[in-house]
């Protein structure tokens, strides 16, 4: 139909769906550690996760 060709695709708003492999937690960190990660810019939470993952892999 000509009508369907004029329909615009649905735009999904909000945060994109994650991978589903992460859990939201509350974690207490030393202030100096937190400040260093935050000072490194956007993605600091991902870098904390990577640092923890690296530690787990070498100490498991």
Protein backbone atom coordinates (compact mmCIF):
# COMPACT_ATOMS: atom_id res chain seq x y z
CA UNK A 1 0.00 0.00 0.00
CA UNK A 2 1.03 3.57 -0.60
CA UNK A 3 -0.08 4.44 2.94
CA UNK A 4 2.38 1.98 4.52
CA UNK A 5 5.24 3.42 2.52
CA UNK A 6 4.61 6.81 4.13
CA UNK A 7 4.66 5.47 7.71
CA UNK A 8 7.80 6.51 9.56
CA UNK A 9 9.67 3.85 11.52
CA UNK A 10 9.11 3.76 15.28
CA UNK A 11 11.77 5.69 17.20
CA UNK A 12 12.54 4.14 20.56
CA UNK A 13 13.38 6.68 23.22
CA UNK A 14 15.39 6.29 26.39
CA UNK A 15 18.41 4.27 27.32
CA UNK A 16 19.30 1.45 24.92
CA UNK A 17 18.83 -2.07 26.21
CA UNK A 18 21.94 -3.48 27.82
CA UNK A 19 23.53 -6.85 27.30
CA UNK A 20 21.69 -8.27 30.29
CA UNK A 21 24.92 -9.58 31.78
CA UNK A 22 25.42 -6.83 34.35
CA UNK A 23 23.79 -6.26 37.72
CA UNK A 24 23.26 -2.93 39.41
CA UNK A 25 24.94 -2.86 42.84
CA UNK A 26 25.94 -0.42 45.53
CA UNK A 27 29.66 -0.53 46.21
CA UNK A 28 31.66 1.48 48.74
CA UNK A 29 35.03 2.66 47.45
CA UNK A 30 37.79 4.73 49.00
CA UNK A 31 37.33 8.38 48.05
CA UNK A 32 40.79 8.63 46.46
CA UNK A 33 40.15 5.58 44.27
CA UNK A 34 36.78 6.92 43.15
CA UNK A 35 38.23 10.37 42.40
CA UNK A 36 40.97 8.87 40.20
CA UNK A 37 38.49 6.87 38.15
CA UNK A 38 36.06 9.79 37.82
CA UNK A 39 38.89 12.14 36.84
CA UNK A 40 39.71 9.81 33.94
CA UNK A 41 36.50 10.95 32.21
CA UNK A 42 33.42 9.28 30.79
CA UNK A 43 33.40 5.51 31.08
CA UNK A 44 34.89 5.47 34.57
CA UNK A 45 32.38 2.86 35.77
CA UNK A 46 33.34 0.62 32.85
CA UNK A 47 37.02 1.04 33.75
CA UNK A 48 36.30 0.05 37.36
CA UNK A 49 34.51 -3.04 36.04
CA UNK A 50 37.47 -3.86 33.78
CA UNK A 51 39.93 -3.44 36.67
CA UNK A 52 37.87 -5.76 38.87
CA UNK A 53 37.48 -8.29 36.06
CA UNK A 54 41.25 -8.28 35.48
CA UNK A 55 41.90 -8.85 39.20
CA UNK A 56 39.42 -11.75 39.29
CA UNK A 57 41.07 -13.39 36.26
CA UNK A 58 44.54 -13.24 37.85
CA UNK A 59 43.42 -14.31 41.33
CA UNK A 60 40.89 -17.04 40.59
